[in-house]
């Protein structure tokens, strides 16, 4: 099992930037693909971005491509989400997610992520 703890959420003005971080503590030697999801009030959880264990493959929701960047540092067991040009509609609780993988360059599809952090609130003001 893997434990995930998000940080970096807060209040930001529309058009501004924010960087989220997720610290993972999984089984020794296990490989996890990582992802970010978000859930706005009254809405379903939606996929934002994902990254392979190696960091060499990423996927993004169309709505954030070009503005958000997911990255990871396996030496620190962290995954980050750099969010630029934020919009008010992107106010949500942002969740870190993980999926055990056996291929270093494999990015699971959004439905396959099965471990979740507690979430961190991002509020974008207009």
C-alpha atoms as a PDB file:
ATOM      1  CA  UNK A   1       0.000   0.000   0.000  1.00  0.00           C
ATOM      2  CA  UNK A   2       1.075   3.562  -0.620  1.00  0.00           C
ATOM      3  CA  UNK A   3       0.349   6.632   1.454  1.00  0.00           C
ATOM      4  CA  UNK A   4      -0.009   9.965  -0.303  1.00  0.00           C
ATOM      5  CA  UNK A   5       0.050  13.432   1.212  1.00  0.00           C
ATOM      6  CA  UNK A   6      -0.625  16.539  -0.858  1.00  0.00           C
ATOM      7  CA  UNK A   7       0.569  20.023  -0.075  1.00  0.00           C
ATOM      8  CA  UNK A   8       0.838  23.412  -1.721  1.00  0.00           C
ATOM      9  CA  UNK A   9      -2.799  24.287  -2.136  1.00  0.00           C
ATOM     10  CA  UNK A  10      -4.113  27.714  -1.340  1.00  0.00           C
ATOM     11  CA  UNK A  11      -5.660  30.857  -2.713  1.00  0.00           C
ATOM     12  CA  UNK A  12      -4.445  32.256  -5.999  1.00  0.00           C
ATOM     13  CA  UNK A  13      -5.732  34.948  -8.332  1.00  0.00           C
ATOM     14  CA  UNK A  14      -7.052  34.057 -11.755  1.00  0.00           C
ATOM     15  CA  UNK A  15      -4.161  34.022 -14.176  1.00  0.00           C
ATOM     16  CA  UNK A  16      -1.745  33.143 -11.435  1.00  0.00           C
ATOM     17  CA  UNK A  17       0.295  30.050 -10.734  1.00  0.00           C
ATOM     18  CA  UNK A  18       0.504  27.447  -8.023  1.00  0.00           C
ATOM     19  CA  UNK A  19       2.673  24.406  -7.474  1.00  0.00           C
ATOM     20  CA  UNK A  20       1.283  21.352  -5.733  1.00  0.00           C
ATOM     21  CA  UNK A  21       3.375  18.580  -4.286  1.00  0.00           C
ATOM     22  CA  UNK A  22       2.587  15.013  -3.283  1.00  0.00           C
ATOM     23  CA  UNK A  23       4.774  12.953  -1.001  1.00  0.00           C
ATOM     24  CA  UNK A  24       4.488   9.193  -1.398  1.00  0.00           C
ATOM     25  CA  UNK A  25       5.525   6.486   1.029  1.00  0.00           C
ATOM     26  CA  UNK A  26       4.976   3.132  -0.587  1.00  0.00           C
ATOM     27  CA  UNK A  27       6.362  -0.344  -0.320  1.00  0.00           C
ATOM     28  CA  UNK A  28      10.124  -0.576  -0.625  1.00  0.00           C
ATOM     29  CA  UNK A  29      11.221  -0.921  -4.235  1.00  0.00           C
ATOM     30  CA  UNK A  30       7.682  -0.640  -5.569  1.00  0.00           C
ATOM     31  CA  UNK A  31       7.076   1.405  -8.716  1.00  0.00           C
ATOM     32  CA  UNK A  32       4.090   3.713  -8.900  1.00  0.00           C
ATOM     33  CA  UNK A  33       2.706   5.732 -11.708  1.00  0.00           C
ATOM     34  CA  UNK A  34       1.293   8.939 -10.277  1.00  0.00           C
ATOM     35  CA  UNK A  35      -1.502  11.280 -11.180  1.00  0.00           C
ATOM     36  CA  UNK A  36      -3.428  14.345 -10.165  1.00  0.00           C
ATOM     37  CA  UNK A  37      -7.197  14.577 -10.089  1.00  0.00           C
ATOM     38  CA  UNK A  38      -9.471  17.354  -8.948  1.00  0.00           C
ATOM     39  CA  UNK A  39     -12.999  17.639  -7.672  1.00  0.00           C
ATOM     40  CA  UNK A  40     -14.919  20.876  -7.762  1.00  0.00           C
ATOM     41  CA  UNK A  41     -17.861  21.442  -5.413  1.00  0.00           C
ATOM     42  CA  UNK A  42     -20.850  19.413  -6.548  1.00  0.00           C
ATOM     43  CA  UNK A  43     -18.881  17.829  -9.386  1.00  0.00           C
ATOM     44  CA  UNK A  44     -17.374  14.433 -10.047  1.00  0.00           C
ATOM     45  CA  UNK A  45     -13.698  13.860  -9.638  1.00  0.00           C
ATOM     46  CA  UNK A  46     -11.879  14.498 -12.899  1.00  0.00           C
ATOM     47  CA  UNK A  47      -8.508  13.543 -14.237  1.00  0.00           C
ATOM     48  CA  UNK A  48      -5.881  16.252 -14.573  1.00  0.00           C
ATOM     49  CA  UNK A  49      -2.489  14.712 -15.337  1.00  0.00           C
ATOM     50  CA  UNK A  50      -0.487  11.526 -14.932  1.00  0.00           C
ATOM     51  CA  UNK A  51       3.142  10.484 -15.107  1.00  0.00           C
ATOM     52  CA  UNK A  52       4.947   7.184 -15.488  1.00  0.00           C
ATOM     53  CA  UNK A  53       7.342   5.793 -12.905  1.00  0.00           C
ATOM     54  CA  UNK A  54      10.285   6.814 -15.046  1.00  0.00           C
ATOM     55  CA  UNK A  55       8.925  10.315 -15.539  1.00  0.00           C
ATOM     56  CA  UNK A  56       9.413   9.900 -19.255  1.00  0.00           C
ATOM     57  CA  UNK A  57       5.760   9.640 -20.190  1.00  0.00           C
ATOM     58  CA  UNK A  58       2.964  11.995 -19.224  1.00  0.00           C
ATOM     59  CA  UNK A  59      -0.672  12.505 -20.053  1.00  0.00           C
ATOM     60  CA  UNK A  60      -2.852  15.550 -19.531  1.00  0.00           C
ATOM     61  CA  UNK A  61      -6.480  16.429 -19.676  1.00  0.00           C
ATOM     62  CA  UNK A  62      -7.149  18.558 -22.730  1.00  0.00           C
ATOM     63  CA  UNK A  63      -8.353  21.369 -20.522  1.00  0.00           C
ATOM     64  CA  UNK A  64      -4.977  21.788 -18.818  1.00  0.00           C
ATOM     65  CA  UNK A  65      -2.530  20.873 -21.548  1.00  0.00           C
ATOM     66  CA  UNK A  66      -0.073  23.668 -22.138  1.00  0.00           C
ATOM     67  CA  UNK A  67      -0.739  25.223 -18.748  1.00  0.00           C
ATOM     68  CA  UNK A  68      -0.039  22.438 -16.258  1.00  0.00           C
ATOM     69  CA  UNK A  69       3.097  20.346 -15.928  1.00  0.00           C
ATOM     70  CA  UNK A  70       3.412  17.154 -13.928  1.00  0.00           C
ATOM     71  CA  UNK A  71       6.839  16.037 -12.782  1.00  0.00           C
ATOM     72  CA  UNK A  72       8.388  13.707 -10.251  1.00  0.00           C
ATOM     73  CA  UNK A  73      11.534  13.164  -8.270  1.00  0.00           C
ATOM     74  CA  UNK A  74      11.843   9.527  -7.323  1.00  0.00           C
ATOM     75  CA  UNK A  75      14.834  10.197  -5.099  1.00  0.00           C
ATOM     76  CA  UNK A  76      12.501  12.257  -2.925  1.00  0.00           C
ATOM     77  CA  UNK A  77       9.359  10.218  -3.573  1.00  0.00           C
ATOM     78  CA  UNK A  78       7.476  13.289  -4.695  1.00  0.00           C
ATOM     79  CA  UNK A  79       5.323  14.290  -7.613  1.00  0.00           C
ATOM     80  CA  UNK A  80       4.525  17.901  -8.416  1.00  0.00           C
ATOM     81  CA  UNK A  81       1.919  19.698 -10.432  1.00  0.00           C
ATOM     82  CA  UNK A  82       2.864  23.123 -11.727  1.00  0.00           C
ATOM     83  CA  UNK A  83      -0.294  25.016 -12.585  1.00  0.00           C
ATOM     84  CA  UNK A  84      -0.104  28.191 -14.633  1.00  0.00           C
ATOM     85  CA  UNK A  85      -2.731  30.587 -15.946  1.00  0.00           C
ATOM     86  CA  UNK A  86      -5.252  29.318 -13.451  1.00  0.00           C
ATOM     87  CA  UNK A  87      -8.927  29.974 -14.008  1.00  0.00           C
ATOM     88  CA  UNK A  88     -11.688  30.421 -11.466  1.00  0.00           C
ATOM     89  CA  UNK A  89     -13.436  27.305 -12.736  1.00  0.00           C
ATOM     90  CA  UNK A  90     -10.431  25.285 -11.650  1.00  0.00           C
ATOM     91  CA  UNK A  91     -11.205  25.850  -8.001  1.00  0.00           C
ATOM     92  CA  UNK A  92     -11.304  22.348  -6.567  1.00  0.00           C
ATOM     93  CA  UNK A  93      -9.816  19.899  -4.148  1.00  0.00           C
ATOM     94  CA  UNK A  94      -6.791  18.449  -5.882  1.00  0.00           C
ATOM     95  CA  UNK A  95      -5.914  14.833  -5.154  1.00  0.00           C
ATOM     96  CA  UNK A  96      -2.744  12.900  -5.677  1.00  0.00           C
ATOM     97  CA  UNK A  97      -3.226   9.340  -6.903  1.00  0.00           C
ATOM     98  CA  UNK A  98      -1.035   6.301  -7.490  1.00  0.00           C
ATOM     99  CA  UNK A  99      -1.085   2.974  -9.262  1.00  0.00           C
ATOM    100  CA  UNK A 100       1.432   0.162  -8.858  1.00  0.00           C
ATOM    101  CA  UNK A 101       3.071  -0.583 -12.195  1.00  0.00           C
ATOM    102  CA  UNK A 102       5.614  -3.012 -13.567  1.00  0.00           C
ATOM    103  CA  UNK A 103       6.668  -1.072 -16.647  1.00  0.00           C
ATOM    104  CA  UNK A 104       8.646   2.053 -15.987  1.00  0.00           C
ATOM    105  CA  UNK A 105       7.220   3.970 -18.934  1.00  0.00           C
ATOM    106  CA  UNK A 106       3.593   2.937 -18.497  1.00  0.00           C
ATOM    107  CA  UNK A 107       0.946   5.516 -17.700  1.00  0.00           C
ATOM    108  CA  UNK A 108      -2.288   3.928 -16.474  1.00  0.00           C
ATOM    109  CA  UNK A 109      -5.589   5.243 -17.654  1.00  0.00           C
ATOM    110  CA  UNK A 110      -7.451   7.473 -15.187  1.00  0.00           C
ATOM    111  CA  UNK A 111      -9.860   4.746 -13.996  1.00  0.00           C
ATOM    112  CA  UNK A 112      -6.965   2.530 -12.947  1.00  0.00           C
ATOM    113  CA  UNK A 113      -5.484   4.737 -10.248  1.00  0.00           C
ATOM    114  CA  UNK A 114      -6.456   3.183  -6.942  1.00  0.00           C
ATOM    115  CA  UNK A 115      -4.627   4.946  -4.130  1.00  0.00           C
ATOM    116  CA  UNK A 116      -5.510   8.453  -3.056  1.00  0.00           C
ATOM    117  CA  UNK A 117      -4.276  11.260  -0.906  1.00  0.00           C
ATOM    118  CA  UNK A 118      -6.460  13.378   1.323  1.00  0.00           C
ATOM    119  CA  UNK A 119      -6.574  16.275  -1.098  1.00  0.00           C
ATOM    120  CA  UNK A 120      -5.480  19.886  -0.982  1.00  0.00           C
ATOM    121  CA  UNK A 121      -7.767  22.831  -1.635  1.00  0.00           C
ATOM    122  CA  UNK A 122      -7.011  25.152  -4.518  1.00  0.00           C
ATOM    123  CA  UNK A 123      -9.111  28.282  -4.724  1.00  0.00           C
ATOM    124  CA  UNK A 124      -8.787  30.532  -7.756  1.00  0.00           C
ATOM    125  CA  UNK A 125     -10.295  33.946  -7.211  1.00  0.00           C
ATOM    126  CA  UNK A 126     -11.523  36.253  -9.934  1.00  0.00           C
END
